[in-house]
Amino acid sequence: MQGSIYEFVKKKLISHGVSQTPDGLVTLENKLLFLDFVQLERAVRNANFDAVQSAVKRIDERVRSLGKRHLIVFAYLYLFFSDGTPERTHTDTKDDGVVLRSVEYRRAVTPEERLIADWGSLWFERCGKSLLRAVYASKT
């Protein structure tokens, strides 16, 4: 059985780089913000898209109130690297122009788990790089 959800969330956030900058460390040091990420993990584990959206909204409100809006990127990364994200994607183009796309997952995933991961991926692709630049600018 898995250990504490708090330790799991902490390790996952650290694997996404929160401990590499002073701003990133806020996600671990601010207890309310950290608990928001724990709620996000619970929503992901339950594969509840509505609860995931609510948790991300709470995280967004919390980081805005702290004056660190760019930390929302860690919520997007959290979802992007969930089990609903494909391990591999294959794209084949046939001679007639038809494109076949197949994906492989680490385990069987539900449509809701894929939706959660895709939603996080979409937001990360839209604004993740610029938000990460802001996070790493705090390193100086």
C-alpha atoms as a PDB file:
ATOM      1  CA  MET A   1       0.000   0.000   0.000  1.00  0.00           C
ATOM      2  CA  GLN A   2       1.107   3.528  -0.704  1.00  0.00           C
ATOM      3  CA  GLY A   3       2.344   5.745   2.141  1.00  0.00           C
ATOM      4  CA  SER A   4       1.020   9.092   3.246  1.00  0.00           C
ATOM      5  CA  ILE A   5      -0.742  11.209   0.628  1.00  0.00           C
ATOM      6  CA  TYR A   6       1.156  14.210   2.033  1.00  0.00           C
ATOM      7  CA  GLU A   7       4.527  12.586   1.377  1.00  0.00           C
ATOM      8  CA  PHE A   8       3.350  11.494  -2.075  1.00  0.00           C
ATOM      9  CA  VAL A   9       2.285  15.038  -3.000  1.00  0.00           C
ATOM     10  CA  LYS A  10       5.506  16.508  -1.609  1.00  0.00           C
ATOM     11  CA  LYS A  11       7.659  14.082  -3.619  1.00  0.00           C
ATOM     12  CA  LYS A  12       5.641  14.702  -6.769  1.00  0.00           C
ATOM     13  CA  LEU A  13       5.924  18.479  -6.410  1.00  0.00           C
ATOM     14  CA  ILE A  14       9.671  18.188  -5.792  1.00  0.00           C
ATOM     15  CA  SER A  15       9.988  16.017  -8.907  1.00  0.00           C
ATOM     16  CA  HIS A  16       8.375  18.898 -10.836  1.00  0.00           C
ATOM     17  CA  GLY A  17      11.049  21.301  -9.586  1.00  0.00           C
ATOM     18  CA  VAL A  18       9.365  23.248  -6.793  1.00  0.00           C
ATOM     19  CA  SER A  19      12.437  22.993  -4.573  1.00  0.00           C
ATOM     20  CA  GLN A  20      14.738  24.596  -7.154  1.00  0.00           C
ATOM     21  CA  THR A  21      13.650  28.216  -6.625  1.00  0.00           C
ATOM     22  CA  PRO A  22      12.533  30.413  -3.736  1.00  0.00           C
ATOM     23  CA  ASP A  23       9.148  30.979  -5.381  1.00  0.00           C
ATOM     24  CA  GLY A  24       8.707  27.274  -6.042  1.00  0.00           C
ATOM     25  CA  LEU A  25       9.387  26.461  -2.400  1.00  0.00           C
ATOM     26  CA  VAL A  26       6.290  28.452  -1.488  1.00  0.00           C
ATOM     27  CA  THR A  27       4.203  25.463  -2.664  1.00  0.00           C
ATOM     28  CA  LEU A  28       5.769  23.351   0.080  1.00  0.00           C
ATOM     29  CA  GLU A  29       6.164  26.002   2.777  1.00  0.00           C
ATOM     30  CA  ASN A  30       2.706  27.588   2.605  1.00  0.00           C
ATOM     31  CA  LYS A  31       0.524  25.058   4.434  1.00  0.00           C
ATOM     32  CA  LEU A  32      -2.749  26.156   2.858  1.00  0.00           C
ATOM     33  CA  LEU A  33      -1.299  26.046  -0.643  1.00  0.00           C
ATOM     34  CA  PHE A  34       0.216  22.627   0.017  1.00  0.00           C
ATOM     35  CA  LEU A  35      -3.148  21.365   1.290  1.00  0.00           C
ATOM     36  CA  ASP A  36      -4.726  22.657  -1.931  1.00  0.00           C
ATOM     37  CA  PHE A  37      -2.322  20.386  -3.826  1.00  0.00           C
ATOM     38  CA  VAL A  38      -3.312  17.492  -1.555  1.00  0.00           C
ATOM     39  CA  GLN A  39      -6.939  18.167  -2.512  1.00  0.00           C
ATOM     40  CA  LEU A  40      -5.866  18.169  -6.165  1.00  0.00           C
ATOM     41  CA  GLU A  41      -4.254  14.753  -5.680  1.00  0.00           C
ATOM     42  CA  ARG A  42      -7.420  13.414  -4.063  1.00  0.00           C
ATOM     43  CA  ALA A  43      -9.482  14.670  -7.003  1.00  0.00           C
ATOM     44  CA  VAL A  44      -7.042  13.062  -9.469  1.00  0.00           C
ATOM     45  CA  ARG A  45      -7.131   9.766  -7.574  1.00  0.00           C
ATOM     46  CA  ASN A  46     -10.925   9.821  -7.679  1.00  0.00           C
ATOM     47  CA  ALA A  47     -10.800  10.697 -11.393  1.00  0.00           C
ATOM     48  CA  ASN A  48     -13.285  13.487 -10.769  1.00  0.00           C
ATOM     49  CA  PHE A  49     -12.845  16.186 -13.399  1.00  0.00           C
ATOM     50  CA  ASP A  50     -15.152  18.666 -11.646  1.00  0.00           C
ATOM     51  CA  ALA A  51     -13.214  18.267  -8.388  1.00  0.00           C
ATOM     52  CA  VAL A  52      -9.927  18.690 -10.297  1.00  0.00           C
ATOM     53  CA  GLN A  53     -11.160  21.947 -11.827  1.00  0.00           C
ATOM     54  CA  SER A  54     -12.289  23.172  -8.400  1.00  0.00           C
ATOM     55  CA  ALA A  55      -8.937  22.277  -6.848  1.00  0.00           C
ATOM     56  CA  VAL A  56      -7.028  24.066  -9.611  1.00  0.00           C
ATOM     57  CA  LYS A  57      -9.278  27.109  -9.156  1.00  0.00           C
ATOM     58  CA  ARG A  58      -8.507  27.116  -5.406  1.00  0.00           C
ATOM     59  CA  ILE A  59      -4.790  26.844  -6.135  1.00  0.00           C
ATOM     60  CA  ASP A  60      -5.059  29.706  -8.639  1.00  0.00           C
ATOM     61  CA  GLU A  61      -6.887  31.905  -6.118  1.00  0.00           C
ATOM     62  CA  ARG A  62      -4.349  31.069  -3.417  1.00  0.00           C
ATOM     63  CA  VAL A  63      -1.257  31.811  -5.535  1.00  0.00           C
ATOM     64  CA  ARG A  64      -2.860  35.051  -6.758  1.00  0.00           C
ATOM     65  CA  SER A  65      -3.474  36.123  -3.155  1.00  0.00           C
ATOM     66  CA  LEU A  66       0.196  35.417  -2.430  1.00  0.00           C
ATOM     67  CA  GLY A  67       1.263  37.538  -5.405  1.00  0.00           C
ATOM     68  CA  LYS A  68       2.767  34.465  -7.076  1.00  0.00           C
ATOM     69  CA  ARG A  69       0.307  33.758  -9.912  1.00  0.00           C
ATOM     70  CA  HIS A  70       3.026  31.955 -11.897  1.00  0.00           C
ATOM     71  CA  LEU A  71       3.013  29.069  -9.378  1.00  0.00           C
ATOM     72  CA  ILE A  72      -0.194  27.796 -10.996  1.00  0.00           C
ATOM     73  CA  VAL A  73       2.155  26.114 -13.470  1.00  0.00           C
ATOM     74  CA  PHE A  74       2.811  23.412 -10.874  1.00  0.00           C
ATOM     75  CA  ALA A  75      -0.878  22.480 -10.873  1.00  0.00           C
ATOM     76  CA  TYR A  76      -0.755  22.118 -14.665  1.00  0.00           C
ATOM     77  CA  LEU A  77       2.413  20.022 -14.421  1.00  0.00           C
ATOM     78  CA  TYR A  78       0.788  17.940 -11.694  1.00  0.00           C
ATOM     79  CA  LEU A  79      -2.039  17.038 -14.055  1.00  0.00           C
ATOM     80  CA  PHE A  80       0.168  16.709 -17.127  1.00  0.00           C
ATOM     81  CA  PHE A  81       2.245  14.036 -15.395  1.00  0.00           C
ATOM     82  CA  SER A  82      -0.716  12.083 -14.046  1.00  0.00           C
ATOM     83  CA  ASP A  83      -1.532   8.493 -15.009  1.00  0.00           C
ATOM     84  CA  GLY A  84      -3.957   9.726 -17.664  1.00  0.00           C
ATOM     85  CA  THR A  85      -1.078  10.993 -19.789  1.00  0.00           C
ATOM     86  CA  PRO A  86       0.034   8.597 -22.543  1.00  0.00           C
ATOM     87  CA  GLU A  87       3.403   6.949 -22.115  1.00  0.00           C
ATOM     88  CA  ARG A  88       3.930   6.869 -25.884  1.00  0.00           C
ATOM     89  CA  THR A  89       2.135   8.313 -28.892  1.00  0.00           C
ATOM     90  CA  HIS A  90       2.514   6.860 -32.372  1.00  0.00           C
ATOM     91  CA  THR A  91       1.492   8.688 -35.528  1.00  0.00           C
ATOM     92  CA  ASP A  92       1.359   6.962 -38.905  1.00  0.00           C
ATOM     93  CA  THR A  93       0.430   8.588 -42.204  1.00  0.00           C
ATOM     94  CA  LYS A  94      -0.956   6.340 -44.896  1.00  0.00           C
ATOM     95  CA  ASP A  95      -0.390   6.872 -48.612  1.00  0.00           C
ATOM     96  CA  ASP A  96      -3.901   8.287 -49.016  1.00  0.00           C
ATOM     97  CA  GLY A  97      -3.201  11.031 -46.446  1.00  0.00           C
ATOM     98  CA  VAL A  98      -5.085   9.417 -43.579  1.00  0.00           C
ATOM     99  CA  VAL A  99      -3.329   9.944 -40.261  1.00  0.00           C
ATOM    100  CA  LEU A 100      -3.568   7.225 -37.626  1.00  0.00           C
ATOM    101  CA  ARG A 101      -2.689   8.155 -34.078  1.00  0.00           C
ATOM    102  CA  SER A 102      -2.396   5.574 -31.337  1.00  0.00           C
ATOM    103  CA  VAL A 103      -1.412   6.012 -27.724  1.00  0.00           C
ATOM    104  CA  GLU A 104      -0.051   3.689 -25.069  1.00  0.00           C
ATOM    105  CA  TYR A 105      -0.728   4.207 -21.379  1.00  0.00           C
ATOM    106  CA  ARG A 106       1.150   2.833 -18.366  1.00  0.00           C
ATOM    107  CA  ARG A 107      -2.073   1.193 -17.226  1.00  0.00           C
ATOM    108  CA  ALA A 108      -5.720   1.076 -18.226  1.00  0.00           C
ATOM    109  CA  VAL A 109      -7.164   4.579 -17.845  1.00  0.00           C
ATOM    110  CA  THR A 110     -10.714   5.831 -17.815  1.00  0.00           C
ATOM    111  CA  PRO A 111     -12.005   8.560 -20.135  1.00  0.00           C
ATOM    112  CA  GLU A 112     -12.211  10.898 -17.115  1.00  0.00           C
ATOM    113  CA  GLU A 113      -8.535  10.255 -16.254  1.00  0.00           C
ATOM    114  CA  ARG A 114      -7.578  11.046 -19.860  1.00  0.00           C
ATOM    115  CA  LEU A 115      -9.686  14.212 -19.734  1.00  0.00           C
ATOM    116  CA  ILE A 116      -7.923  15.363 -16.561  1.00  0.00           C
ATOM    117  CA  ALA A 117      -4.472  14.774 -18.050  1.00  0.00           C
ATOM    118  CA  ASP A 118      -5.433  16.361 -21.387  1.00  0.00           C
ATOM    119  CA  TRP A 119      -6.848  19.425 -19.633  1.00  0.00           C
ATOM    120  CA  GLY A 120      -3.618  19.851 -17.637  1.00  0.00           C
ATOM    121  CA  SER A 121      -1.571  19.332 -20.820  1.00  0.00           C
ATOM    122  CA  LEU A 122      -3.588  21.934 -22.687  1.00  0.00           C
ATOM    123  CA  TRP A 123      -3.063  24.555 -20.014  1.00  0.00           C
ATOM    124  CA  PHE A 124       0.620  23.704 -19.703  1.00  0.00           C
ATOM    125  CA  GLU A 125       1.091  23.984 -23.467  1.00  0.00           C
ATOM    126  CA  ARG A 126      -0.763  27.321 -23.558  1.00  0.00           C
ATOM    127  CA  CYS A 127       1.134  29.138 -20.858  1.00  0.00           C
ATOM    128  CA  GLY A 128       3.444  26.738 -19.025  1.00  0.00           C
ATOM    129  CA  LYS A 129       6.742  27.833 -20.524  1.00  0.00           C
ATOM    130  CA  SER A 130       6.207  31.506 -19.752  1.00  0.00           C
ATOM    131  CA  LEU A 131       5.034  30.671 -16.238  1.00  0.00           C
ATOM    132  CA  LEU A 132       8.100  28.480 -15.665  1.00  0.00           C
ATOM    133  CA  ARG A 133      10.321  31.331 -16.830  1.00  0.00           C
ATOM    134  CA  ALA A 134       8.740  33.496 -14.135  1.00  0.00           C
ATOM    135  CA  VAL A 135       9.276  30.770 -11.540  1.00  0.00           C
ATOM    136  CA  TYR A 136      12.945  30.370 -12.467  1.00  0.00           C
ATOM    137  CA  ALA A 137      13.465  34.130 -12.603  1.00  0.00           C
ATOM    138  CA  SER A 138      12.958  34.073  -8.834  1.00  0.00           C
ATOM    139  CA  LYS A 139      16.130  31.976  -8.527  1.00  0.00           C
ATOM    140  CA  THR A 140      18.344  35.035  -8.743  1.00  0.00           C
END
